[in-house]
Amino acid sequence: MIGIPTGQPGQKTIMSYVGLCAEFPSLSWLAKNPEAALKGIRKLVEEVIKDMNNEGEVAPEPIACRHYSGKFMVRVPPQVHQKLAIQAAESGVSLNRLASSKLSQ
């Protein structure tokens, strides 16, 4: 949920909230409060999925339901790699364990 100021220049600024869905990045729902934005985007996604099913299209798998291996590659500048390797050695842990710890914070 994202809160954004809206309104015309010279008019009172109103805080609006945008409901988003990661699986459907082109969809959004603007509302005056977070609850309405969430309700709106859920209803919109439900309608889009119904339309997709009616047209024989496959809806994207929810991100939370996907299988994750626990592995991914991160590219960093050599200086960052060196700094992390030194920190890991000084802490007596592997570079992987240090990176995992930092990423989970």
C-alpha atoms as a PDB file:
ATOM      1  CA  MET A   1       0.000   0.000   0.000  1.00  0.00           C
ATOM      2  CA  ILE A   2       1.387   3.370  -0.989  1.00  0.00           C
ATOM      3  CA  GLY A   3       0.164   6.705   0.358  1.00  0.00           C
ATOM      4  CA  ILE A   4       0.496   9.607  -2.061  1.00  0.00           C
ATOM      5  CA  PRO A   5      -0.528  13.248  -1.884  1.00  0.00           C
ATOM      6  CA  THR A   6      -3.061  14.182  -4.559  1.00  0.00           C
ATOM      7  CA  GLY A   7      -4.901  17.319  -5.612  1.00  0.00           C
ATOM      8  CA  GLN A   8      -4.660  20.169  -8.073  1.00  0.00           C
ATOM      9  CA  PRO A   9      -2.002  22.888  -7.735  1.00  0.00           C
ATOM     10  CA  GLY A  10      -3.239  25.606  -5.398  1.00  0.00           C
ATOM     11  CA  GLN A  11      -5.826  23.319  -3.803  1.00  0.00           C
ATOM     12  CA  LYS A  12      -5.725  21.441  -0.531  1.00  0.00           C
ATOM     13  CA  THR A  13      -3.556  18.335  -0.724  1.00  0.00           C
ATOM     14  CA  ILE A  14      -5.436  15.120  -0.019  1.00  0.00           C
ATOM     15  CA  MET A  15      -3.696  11.911   0.996  1.00  0.00           C
ATOM     16  CA  SER A  16      -4.701   9.013  -1.238  1.00  0.00           C
ATOM     17  CA  TYR A  17      -3.717   5.370  -1.063  1.00  0.00           C
ATOM     18  CA  VAL A  18      -2.864   3.083  -3.955  1.00  0.00           C
ATOM     19  CA  GLY A  19      -3.628  -0.626  -3.854  1.00  0.00           C
ATOM     20  CA  LEU A  20      -1.205  -2.656  -5.980  1.00  0.00           C
ATOM     21  CA  CYS A  21      -0.805  -6.317  -6.924  1.00  0.00           C
ATOM     22  CA  ALA A  22       2.699  -7.591  -7.752  1.00  0.00           C
ATOM     23  CA  GLU A  23       1.360 -10.326 -10.042  1.00  0.00           C
ATOM     24  CA  PHE A  24      -0.551  -7.710 -12.079  1.00  0.00           C
ATOM     25  CA  PRO A  25       1.785  -4.674 -12.212  1.00  0.00           C
ATOM     26  CA  SER A  26      -0.464  -2.779 -14.632  1.00  0.00           C
ATOM     27  CA  LEU A  27      -3.361  -2.740 -12.140  1.00  0.00           C
ATOM     28  CA  SER A  28      -3.880  -0.252  -9.317  1.00  0.00           C
ATOM     29  CA  TRP A  29      -6.723   1.113  -7.189  1.00  0.00           C
ATOM     30  CA  LEU A  30      -6.761   4.634  -5.745  1.00  0.00           C
ATOM     31  CA  ALA A  31      -8.774   5.280  -2.559  1.00  0.00           C
ATOM     32  CA  LYS A  32      -9.023   7.681   0.379  1.00  0.00           C
ATOM     33  CA  ASN A  33      -7.888   5.120   2.977  1.00  0.00           C
ATOM     34  CA  PRO A  34      -5.720   1.979   3.032  1.00  0.00           C
ATOM     35  CA  GLU A  35      -8.637  -0.380   3.676  1.00  0.00           C
ATOM     36  CA  ALA A  36     -10.585   0.868   0.658  1.00  0.00           C
ATOM     37  CA  ALA A  37      -7.484   0.688  -1.557  1.00  0.00           C
ATOM     38  CA  LEU A  38      -6.874  -2.920  -0.508  1.00  0.00           C
ATOM     39  CA  LYS A  39     -10.530  -3.860  -0.988  1.00  0.00           C
ATOM     40  CA  GLY A  40     -10.582  -2.171  -4.389  1.00  0.00           C
ATOM     41  CA  ILE A  41      -7.460  -3.843  -5.767  1.00  0.00           C
ATOM     42  CA  ARG A  42      -8.627  -7.253  -4.499  1.00  0.00           C
ATOM     43  CA  LYS A  43     -11.968  -6.834  -6.273  1.00  0.00           C
ATOM     44  CA  LEU A  44     -10.282  -5.620  -9.449  1.00  0.00           C
ATOM     45  CA  VAL A  45      -7.847  -8.564  -9.480  1.00  0.00           C
ATOM     46  CA  GLU A  46     -10.741 -10.970  -8.883  1.00  0.00           C
ATOM     47  CA  GLU A  47     -12.572  -9.500 -11.899  1.00  0.00           C
ATOM     48  CA  VAL A  48      -9.457  -9.680 -14.084  1.00  0.00           C
ATOM     49  CA  ILE A  49      -8.882 -13.329 -13.143  1.00  0.00           C
ATOM     50  CA  LYS A  50     -12.530 -14.163 -13.963  1.00  0.00           C
ATOM     51  CA  ASP A  51     -12.114 -12.484 -17.362  1.00  0.00           C
ATOM     52  CA  MET A  52      -8.861 -14.362 -17.970  1.00  0.00           C
ATOM     53  CA  ASN A  53     -10.501 -17.683 -17.087  1.00  0.00           C
ATOM     54  CA  ASN A  54     -13.444 -16.917 -19.392  1.00  0.00           C
ATOM     55  CA  GLU A  55     -10.997 -16.211 -22.236  1.00  0.00           C
ATOM     56  CA  GLY A  56      -8.968 -19.372 -21.573  1.00  0.00           C
ATOM     57  CA  GLU A  57      -5.978 -17.421 -20.300  1.00  0.00           C
ATOM     58  CA  VAL A  58      -3.922 -18.596 -17.329  1.00  0.00           C
ATOM     59  CA  ALA A  59      -3.628 -16.219 -14.385  1.00  0.00           C
ATOM     60  CA  PRO A  60      -0.131 -15.770 -12.947  1.00  0.00           C
ATOM     61  CA  GLU A  61       0.785 -17.964  -9.988  1.00  0.00           C
ATOM     62  CA  PRO A  62       0.739 -15.996  -6.718  1.00  0.00           C
ATOM     63  CA  ILE A  63       4.263 -15.006  -5.703  1.00  0.00           C
ATOM     64  CA  ALA A  64       3.712 -16.381  -2.191  1.00  0.00           C
ATOM     65  CA  CYS A  65       2.850 -19.823  -3.623  1.00  0.00           C
ATOM     66  CA  ARG A  66       5.919 -20.160  -5.856  1.00  0.00           C
ATOM     67  CA  HIS A  67       8.752 -22.505  -4.924  1.00  0.00           C
ATOM     68  CA  TYR A  68      12.021 -20.826  -3.988  1.00  0.00           C
ATOM     69  CA  SER A  69      15.321 -22.725  -3.956  1.00  0.00           C
ATOM     70  CA  GLY A  70      16.981 -20.397  -1.460  1.00  0.00           C
ATOM     71  CA  LYS A  71      19.682 -19.537  -3.980  1.00  0.00           C
ATOM     72  CA  PHE A  72      20.201 -16.401  -6.039  1.00  0.00           C
ATOM     73  CA  MET A  73      23.229 -14.535  -7.327  1.00  0.00           C
ATOM     74  CA  VAL A  74      23.983 -10.972  -6.310  1.00  0.00           C
ATOM     75  CA  ARG A  75      26.588  -8.958  -8.186  1.00  0.00           C
ATOM     76  CA  VAL A  76      28.448  -6.344  -6.164  1.00  0.00           C
ATOM     77  CA  PRO A  77      31.452  -4.147  -6.882  1.00  0.00           C
ATOM     78  CA  PRO A  78      34.830  -5.764  -6.025  1.00  0.00           C
ATOM     79  CA  GLN A  79      35.324  -3.337  -3.124  1.00  0.00           C
ATOM     80  CA  VAL A  80      32.036  -4.431  -1.524  1.00  0.00           C
ATOM     81  CA  HIS A  81      32.967  -8.091  -2.029  1.00  0.00           C
ATOM     82  CA  GLN A  82      36.311  -7.469  -0.343  1.00  0.00           C
ATOM     83  CA  LYS A  83      34.738  -5.585   2.570  1.00  0.00           C
ATOM     84  CA  LEU A  84      32.185  -8.360   3.169  1.00  0.00           C
ATOM     85  CA  ALA A  85      34.829 -11.085   2.909  1.00  0.00           C
ATOM     86  CA  ILE A  86      36.921  -9.291   5.560  1.00  0.00           C
ATOM     87  CA  GLN A  87      33.879  -8.853   7.829  1.00  0.00           C
ATOM     88  CA  ALA A  88      33.005 -12.548   7.458  1.00  0.00           C
ATOM     89  CA  ALA A  89      36.573 -13.656   8.237  1.00  0.00           C
ATOM     90  CA  GLU A  90      36.769 -11.369  11.270  1.00  0.00           C
ATOM     91  CA  SER A  91      33.435 -12.749  12.511  1.00  0.00           C
ATOM     92  CA  GLY A  92      34.471 -16.358  11.907  1.00  0.00           C
ATOM     93  CA  VAL A  93      31.573 -17.067   9.540  1.00  0.00           C
ATOM     94  CA  SER A  94      31.303 -17.806   5.836  1.00  0.00           C
ATOM     95  CA  LEU A  95      30.649 -15.000   3.378  1.00  0.00           C
ATOM     96  CA  ASN A  96      27.340 -16.688   2.537  1.00  0.00           C
ATOM     97  CA  ARG A  97      26.274 -16.722   6.215  1.00  0.00           C
ATOM     98  CA  LEU A  98      27.214 -13.033   6.604  1.00  0.00           C
ATOM     99  CA  ALA A  99      25.306 -12.024   3.456  1.00  0.00           C
ATOM    100  CA  SER A 100      22.286 -14.086   4.491  1.00  0.00           C
ATOM    101  CA  SER A 101      22.293 -12.442   7.917  1.00  0.00           C
ATOM    102  CA  LYS A 102      22.504  -8.945   6.420  1.00  0.00           C
ATOM    103  CA  LEU A 103      19.753  -9.647   3.881  1.00  0.00           C
ATOM    104  CA  SER A 104      17.372 -11.009   6.513  1.00  0.00           C
ATOM    105  CA  GLN A 105      17.527  -7.839   8.637  1.00  0.00           C
END
